[in-house]
Protein backbone atom coordinates (compact mmCIF):
# COMPACT_ATOMS: atom_id res chain seq x y z
CA ASP A 1 -11.25 2.35 34.14
CA GLU A 2 -14.54 1.65 33.09
CA LEU A 3 -14.13 3.04 29.89
CA LYS A 4 -10.97 0.45 29.09
CA ARG A 5 -13.45 -2.81 29.66
CA ALA A 6 -14.55 -3.23 26.08
CA LYS A 7 -11.50 -2.23 23.56
CA SER A 8 -13.30 -3.49 21.09
CA SER A 9 -17.08 -2.12 21.37
CA MET A 10 -17.59 1.50 19.56
CA VAL A 11 -20.95 3.80 19.32
CA MET A 12 -21.58 5.05 16.14
CA LYS A 13 -23.26 8.60 15.91
CA SER A 14 -24.75 10.26 13.40
CA PHE A 15 -26.39 13.31 13.47
CA LYS A 16 -30.03 13.39 13.87
CA HIS A 17 -31.43 16.09 11.09
CA VAL A 18 -30.34 15.48 7.16
CA GLY A 19 -29.79 18.34 4.99
CA ARG A 20 -27.34 19.74 3.22
CA GLY A 21 -24.08 20.71 5.38
CA ILE A 22 -25.43 18.73 8.11
CA HIS A 23 -23.20 15.66 7.89
CA ASP A 24 -20.32 17.33 5.94
CA GLN A 25 -16.83 16.10 7.49
CA GLN A 26 -16.19 19.58 9.26
CA GLN A 27 -19.30 19.34 11.57
CA TYR A 28 -18.26 15.85 12.41
CA ILE A 29 -14.76 17.33 13.18
CA LYS A 30 -16.53 20.56 14.92
CA GLN A 31 -18.10 17.57 17.50
CA MET A 32 -15.28 16.05 17.59
CA GLU A 33 -13.19 18.77 19.12
CA VAL A 34 -16.36 20.00 21.01
CA SER A 35 -15.64 16.35 22.94
CA ASN A 36 -11.62 16.67 23.03
CA ILE A 37 -11.59 20.22 24.72
CA SER A 38 -14.28 19.07 27.23
CA HIS A 39 -12.34 16.19 27.94
CA PHE A 40 -9.79 18.59 28.72
CA LEU A 41 -11.55 20.40 30.43
CA ALA A 42 -12.73 17.73 32.66
CA GLU A 43 -9.45 16.49 33.87
CA GLN A 44 -8.06 20.15 34.54
CA TYR A 45 -11.37 20.12 36.59
CA ASN A 46 -10.35 16.91 38.21
CA LEU A 47 -6.92 17.84 39.02
CA SER A 48 -7.99 21.57 40.97
CA GLU A 49 -9.01 22.06 44.13
CA LYS A 50 -12.37 21.10 45.10
CA PRO A 51 -15.06 19.77 48.10
CA SER A 52 -13.44 16.06 48.83
CA HIS A 53 -16.40 15.26 48.46
CA CYS A 54 -17.27 16.05 44.82
CA ALA A 55 -17.14 13.35 42.07
CA LYS A 56 -14.62 13.17 39.25
CA VAL A 57 -15.73 14.18 35.36
CA GLN A 58 -14.88 11.89 32.38
CA PHE A 59 -16.01 12.59 29.01
CA LEU A 60 -15.81 10.00 26.51
CA PRO A 61 -12.96 10.04 23.70
CA VAL A 62 -14.57 10.94 20.69
CA CYS A 63 -13.36 9.81 16.63
CA VAL A 64 -14.40 10.91 13.18
CA VAL A 65 -15.05 8.06 11.13
CA GLU A 66 -15.71 8.20 7.47
CA GLU A 67 -16.44 5.80 4.85
CA ALA A 68 -14.33 5.75 1.44
CA SER A 69 -17.16 5.36 -0.47
CA SER A 70 -19.22 8.45 -0.75
CA ALA A 71 -22.73 5.91 -1.83
CA ARG A 72 -24.29 6.56 1.75
CA GLU A 73 -23.16 10.90 1.33
CA HIS A 74 -27.20 11.35 0.06
CA LEU A 75 -28.15 9.82 3.35
CA GLY A 76 -26.26 11.36 5.66
CA GLU A 77 -24.63 8.20 7.00
CA ARG A 78 -21.09 8.31 5.62
CA ARG A 79 -19.69 9.61 8.91
CA PHE A 80 -19.69 9.22 12.42
CA CYS A 81 -18.56 10.16 15.84
CA ALA A 82 -16.98 7.01 17.35
CA GLU A 83 -17.00 6.64 20.99
CA PRO A 84 -16.80 3.84 23.21
CA PRO A 85 -19.92 2.87 25.31
CA LEU A 86 -20.98 4.50 28.80
CA PRO A 87 -20.99 2.57 31.85
CA THR A 88 -23.75 0.71 33.11
CA GLY A 89 -25.85 3.06 34.94
CA THR A 90 -29.40 5.21 34.39
CA PHE A 91 -28.65 8.07 31.41
CA SER A 92 -29.24 11.53 32.64
CA LYS A 93 -29.26 14.79 31.21
CA PHE A 94 -28.42 16.99 33.64
CA SER A 95 -27.94 20.11 32.09
CA ASN A 96 -29.04 21.93 28.56
CA ASN A 97 -27.12 25.40 26.85
CA THR A 98 -29.54 27.31 27.81
CA GLY A 99 -29.05 27.72 31.32
CA TYR A 100 -31.74 24.68 32.44
CA TRP A 101 -30.17 21.97 35.15
CA ALA A 102 -32.57 19.19 35.89
CA GLU A 103 -33.79 19.96 39.52
CA ASP A 104 -34.34 16.08 40.87
CA GLU A 105 -30.73 15.50 38.97
CA LEU A 106 -28.56 18.62 40.33
CA ASP A 107 -25.30 17.39 41.73
CA GLU A 108 -22.47 19.78 43.20
CA SER A 109 -20.08 18.10 41.24
CA LEU A 110 -21.13 19.05 37.75
CA LEU A 111 -22.35 22.64 38.99
CA ARG A 112 -18.84 23.29 40.16
CA PHE A 113 -17.47 21.98 36.68
CA THR A 114 -19.33 24.00 34.97
CA GLU A 115 -18.47 27.00 36.67
CA TYR A 116 -14.82 26.16 36.55
CA THR A 117 -14.64 25.87 32.87
CA HIS A 118 -16.19 28.97 32.46
CA ARG A 119 -13.46 30.56 35.06
CA ALA A 120 -10.72 28.47 33.92
CA THR A 121 -11.03 29.96 30.02
CA LYS A 122 -11.45 33.57 31.60
CA GLY A 123 -15.38 33.82 30.59
CA TYR A 124 -13.99 32.83 26.83
CA LEU A 125 -16.00 29.53 27.23
CA MET A 126 -17.70 26.64 29.03
CA VAL A 127 -18.94 23.23 28.76
CA THR A 128 -22.72 22.84 29.07
CA ASP A 129 -25.63 20.26 27.95
CA LEU A 130 -24.24 17.57 30.41
CA GLN A 131 -25.64 14.17 30.09
CA GLY A 132 -25.10 10.75 30.70
CA VAL A 133 -24.18 8.54 34.08
CA LYS A 134 -22.74 8.05 37.19
CA HIS A 135 -20.88 5.57 37.91
CA GLY A 136 -18.44 3.95 40.73
CA GLY A 137 -18.20 7.82 42.10
CA LYS A 138 -17.57 9.20 38.87
CA PHE A 139 -19.11 10.81 35.92
CA TYR A 140 -19.26 9.82 32.40
CA LEU A 141 -20.37 12.12 29.99
CA THR A 142 -21.14 12.36 26.68
CA ASP A 143 -22.02 14.51 23.88
CA PRO A 144 -21.44 18.21 25.40
CA VAL A 145 -22.06 21.85 24.06
CA ILE A 146 -19.15 24.25 24.45
CA LEU A 147 -21.01 28.18 24.68
CA CYS A 148 -18.23 30.71 23.26
CA LYS A 149 -18.10 34.37 23.12
CA ASP A 150 -16.85 33.14 19.20
CA ALA A 151 -20.25 32.20 18.20
CA LEU A 152 -19.00 30.88 15.34
CA ARG A 153 -17.02 28.39 16.94
CA PHE A 154 -18.19 24.86 17.90
CA GLY A 155 -20.81 24.24 15.72
CA ASN A 156 -24.72 25.67 15.44
CA THR A 157 -24.95 23.99 19.63
CA ASN A 158 -23.31 27.51 20.75
CA LEU A 159 -25.94 29.89 21.00
CA GLY A 160 -23.04 32.40 22.48
CA GLU A 161 -22.47 35.17 25.03
CA THR A 162 -26.65 35.65 25.83
CA PHE A 163 -26.88 31.87 26.81
CA MET A 164 -24.12 31.76 28.35
CA ARG A 165 -24.60 34.25 30.74
CA LYS A 166 -27.97 32.66 31.27
CA CYS A 167 -26.16 29.03 32.23
CA ILE A 168 -22.97 30.74 34.31
CA ASP A 169 -25.88 32.93 36.08
CA ALA A 170 -28.21 29.44 36.56
CA THR A 171 -24.92 27.65 38.09
CA ARG A 172 -24.13 29.86 40.20
CA SER A 173 -27.64 30.02 41.99
CA HIS A 174 -27.96 26.24 42.11
CA LEU A 175 -23.91 26.19 44.06
CA LYS A 176 -25.63 29.17 47.00
């Protein structure tokens, strides 16, 4: 597997903005939860029935790393989400969490994956904001967003039911 090629290499990510509560441990744990749920749903999607020409989808595994010292806390440089590097290829932003799909990057595999997450959870949540690399007939994705009926789950990128409807409508429209 392509992700096993660099066992000692990790990408360390921190949130872009600095401010009270933005870099606290809970925010990083929420992002790890979003990535892990997305990873699980991708594994289930890959096992599901779909057209044979559809590529597999994989989300990078994520963990949270925290320095023991709080000396850099005020700079927002104490905690990070760590993940393996993406495989070689052109990074693309395929969709976002407001219903947008990049027309020049449309791929039936990703449309079906997003629709699958909505259907598999009986409309409770869906994985959006798909971005990453297609390599060897497989999509390697990072930094997903989960939209959920419970707007208090999954951090501030969860825009709730209104945007779930926009995303699923746009996804189904492109699948027609």
